[in-house]
């Protein structure tokens, strides 16, 4: 979820932390379902001092913007799925 430099300058203007740290925390929060306190510990291992409430504010601020930007590239998914063949196990034997 890396943003180009031009987009990052506008979106992250006036922030204390580098845009790469912010996007990394938000991405890990969303993808890996980590808590804000887990992210604080992970950032501390990388010598970045951040408070869990700061990460929570980043998540609330940037997830809607990231979703809006992602929609330009996401493909629509249909409501129906088709499977050619399905095999199930009946009494220990595979059947079509």
C-alpha atoms as a PDB file:
ATOM      1  CA  UNK A   1       0.000   0.000   0.000  1.00  0.00           C
ATOM      2  CA  UNK A   2       2.883   2.282  -0.739  1.00  0.00           C
ATOM      3  CA  UNK A   3       1.882   5.668  -2.081  1.00  0.00           C
ATOM      4  CA  UNK A   4       3.835   7.683  -4.633  1.00  0.00           C
ATOM      5  CA  UNK A   5       5.849  10.567  -3.232  1.00  0.00           C
ATOM      6  CA  UNK A   6       3.555  13.251  -4.719  1.00  0.00           C
ATOM      7  CA  UNK A   7       0.423  11.719  -3.193  1.00  0.00           C
ATOM      8  CA  UNK A   8       2.114  11.251   0.142  1.00  0.00           C
ATOM      9  CA  UNK A   9       3.188  14.869   0.463  1.00  0.00           C
ATOM     10  CA  UNK A  10      -0.397  16.149   0.285  1.00  0.00           C
ATOM     11  CA  UNK A  11      -2.026  13.379   2.287  1.00  0.00           C
ATOM     12  CA  UNK A  12       0.529  13.429   5.111  1.00  0.00           C
ATOM     13  CA  UNK A  13       1.279  17.147   5.248  1.00  0.00           C
ATOM     14  CA  UNK A  14       1.947  18.394   8.778  1.00  0.00           C
ATOM     15  CA  UNK A  15       2.416  14.963  10.332  1.00  0.00           C
ATOM     16  CA  UNK A  16       5.160  14.390  12.891  1.00  0.00           C
ATOM     17  CA  UNK A  17       6.009  10.914  11.574  1.00  0.00           C
ATOM     18  CA  UNK A  18       7.236   9.890   8.148  1.00  0.00           C
ATOM     19  CA  UNK A  19       4.499   8.753   5.762  1.00  0.00           C
ATOM     20  CA  UNK A  20       6.173   5.330   5.435  1.00  0.00           C
ATOM     21  CA  UNK A  21       5.791   4.682   9.175  1.00  0.00           C
ATOM     22  CA  UNK A  22       2.146   5.761   9.119  1.00  0.00           C
ATOM     23  CA  UNK A  23       1.237   3.601   6.105  1.00  0.00           C
ATOM     24  CA  UNK A  24       3.142   0.647   7.556  1.00  0.00           C
ATOM     25  CA  UNK A  25       1.247   0.832  10.859  1.00  0.00           C
ATOM     26  CA  UNK A  26      -2.123   1.266   9.176  1.00  0.00           C
ATOM     27  CA  UNK A  27      -1.420  -1.579   6.745  1.00  0.00           C
ATOM     28  CA  UNK A  28      -0.320  -3.967   9.513  1.00  0.00           C
ATOM     29  CA  UNK A  29      -3.340  -2.987  11.600  1.00  0.00           C
ATOM     30  CA  UNK A  30      -5.712  -3.848   8.762  1.00  0.00           C
ATOM     31  CA  UNK A  31      -4.028  -6.852   7.163  1.00  0.00           C
ATOM     32  CA  UNK A  32      -2.783  -8.714  10.229  1.00  0.00           C
ATOM     33  CA  UNK A  33      -5.487  -7.605  12.702  1.00  0.00           C
ATOM     34  CA  UNK A  34      -2.901  -6.346  15.181  1.00  0.00           C
ATOM     35  CA  UNK A  35      -3.894  -4.162  18.091  1.00  0.00           C
ATOM     36  CA  UNK A  36      -2.527  -0.659  18.438  1.00  0.00           C
ATOM     37  CA  UNK A  37      -0.509  -1.756  21.451  1.00  0.00           C
ATOM     38  CA  UNK A  38       1.032  -4.605  19.444  1.00  0.00           C
ATOM     39  CA  UNK A  39       2.045  -2.078  16.816  1.00  0.00           C
ATOM     40  CA  UNK A  40       3.609   0.146  19.486  1.00  0.00           C
ATOM     41  CA  UNK A  41       5.807  -2.777  20.538  1.00  0.00           C
ATOM     42  CA  UNK A  42       6.718  -3.578  16.940  1.00  0.00           C
ATOM     43  CA  UNK A  43       7.642   0.036  16.253  1.00  0.00           C
ATOM     44  CA  UNK A  44       9.691   0.168  19.479  1.00  0.00           C
ATOM     45  CA  UNK A  45      11.730  -2.758  18.140  1.00  0.00           C
ATOM     46  CA  UNK A  46      12.489  -0.519  15.150  1.00  0.00           C
ATOM     47  CA  UNK A  47      13.454   2.414  17.417  1.00  0.00           C
ATOM     48  CA  UNK A  48      10.287   4.381  16.645  1.00  0.00           C
ATOM     49  CA  UNK A  49       8.551   5.790  19.706  1.00  0.00           C
ATOM     50  CA  UNK A  50       4.826   6.069  19.101  1.00  0.00           C
ATOM     51  CA  UNK A  51       1.794   5.928  21.399  1.00  0.00           C
ATOM     52  CA  UNK A  52      -1.124   3.554  20.767  1.00  0.00           C
ATOM     53  CA  UNK A  53      -3.611   6.430  20.575  1.00  0.00           C
ATOM     54  CA  UNK A  54      -1.569   7.977  17.767  1.00  0.00           C
ATOM     55  CA  UNK A  55      -1.852   4.764  15.765  1.00  0.00           C
ATOM     56  CA  UNK A  56      -5.581   4.660  16.479  1.00  0.00           C
ATOM     57  CA  UNK A  57      -5.912   8.206  15.098  1.00  0.00           C
ATOM     58  CA  UNK A  58      -3.914   7.216  12.005  1.00  0.00           C
ATOM     59  CA  UNK A  59      -6.226   4.274  11.395  1.00  0.00           C
ATOM     60  CA  UNK A  60      -9.340   6.418  11.743  1.00  0.00           C
ATOM     61  CA  UNK A  61      -7.903   9.150   9.538  1.00  0.00           C
ATOM     62  CA  UNK A  62      -6.257   7.171   6.739  1.00  0.00           C
ATOM     63  CA  UNK A  63      -8.323   3.996   6.191  1.00  0.00           C
ATOM     64  CA  UNK A  64     -11.192   5.864   4.469  1.00  0.00           C
ATOM     65  CA  UNK A  65      -8.679   7.645   2.225  1.00  0.00           C
ATOM     66  CA  UNK A  66      -6.837   4.421   1.392  1.00  0.00           C
ATOM     67  CA  UNK A  67     -10.143   2.699   0.586  1.00  0.00           C
ATOM     68  CA  UNK A  68     -11.147   5.554  -1.708  1.00  0.00           C
ATOM     69  CA  UNK A  69      -7.832   5.360  -3.554  1.00  0.00           C
ATOM     70  CA  UNK A  70      -8.007   1.561  -3.739  1.00  0.00           C
ATOM     71  CA  UNK A  71     -11.449   1.618  -5.394  1.00  0.00           C
ATOM     72  CA  UNK A  72      -9.873   2.972  -8.565  1.00  0.00           C
ATOM     73  CA  UNK A  73      -7.908  -0.250  -8.982  1.00  0.00           C
ATOM     74  CA  UNK A  74     -10.261  -2.859  -7.507  1.00  0.00           C
ATOM     75  CA  UNK A  75     -12.253  -5.053  -9.849  1.00  0.00           C
ATOM     76  CA  UNK A  76     -15.908  -5.745  -9.246  1.00  0.00           C
ATOM     77  CA  UNK A  77     -16.720  -9.233  -8.065  1.00  0.00           C
ATOM     78  CA  UNK A  78     -19.930 -10.885  -9.206  1.00  0.00           C
ATOM     79  CA  UNK A  79     -22.490 -12.310  -6.826  1.00  0.00           C
ATOM     80  CA  UNK A  80     -22.519 -15.830  -8.292  1.00  0.00           C
ATOM     81  CA  UNK A  81     -19.744 -18.386  -8.458  1.00  0.00           C
ATOM     82  CA  UNK A  82     -19.665 -21.368 -10.782  1.00  0.00           C
ATOM     83  CA  UNK A  83     -17.872 -24.609 -10.128  1.00  0.00           C
ATOM     84  CA  UNK A  84     -17.380 -27.135 -12.927  1.00  0.00           C
ATOM     85  CA  UNK A  85     -17.194 -30.274 -10.826  1.00  0.00           C
ATOM     86  CA  UNK A  86     -17.508 -30.943  -7.156  1.00  0.00           C
ATOM     87  CA  UNK A  87     -16.299 -34.041  -5.385  1.00  0.00           C
ATOM     88  CA  UNK A  88     -17.482 -35.110  -1.956  1.00  0.00           C
ATOM     89  CA  UNK A  89     -16.602 -38.068   0.189  1.00  0.00           C
ATOM     90  CA  UNK A  90     -19.485 -40.538   0.742  1.00  0.00           C
ATOM     91  CA  UNK A  91     -18.877 -43.506   3.011  1.00  0.00           C
ATOM     92  CA  UNK A  92     -15.127 -43.107   2.556  1.00  0.00           C
ATOM     93  CA  UNK A  93     -15.200 -42.941  -1.269  1.00  0.00           C
ATOM     94  CA  UNK A  94     -14.973 -39.877  -3.478  1.00  0.00           C
ATOM     95  CA  UNK A  95     -18.043 -39.231  -5.638  1.00  0.00           C
ATOM     96  CA  UNK A  96     -18.905 -36.592  -8.196  1.00  0.00           C
END
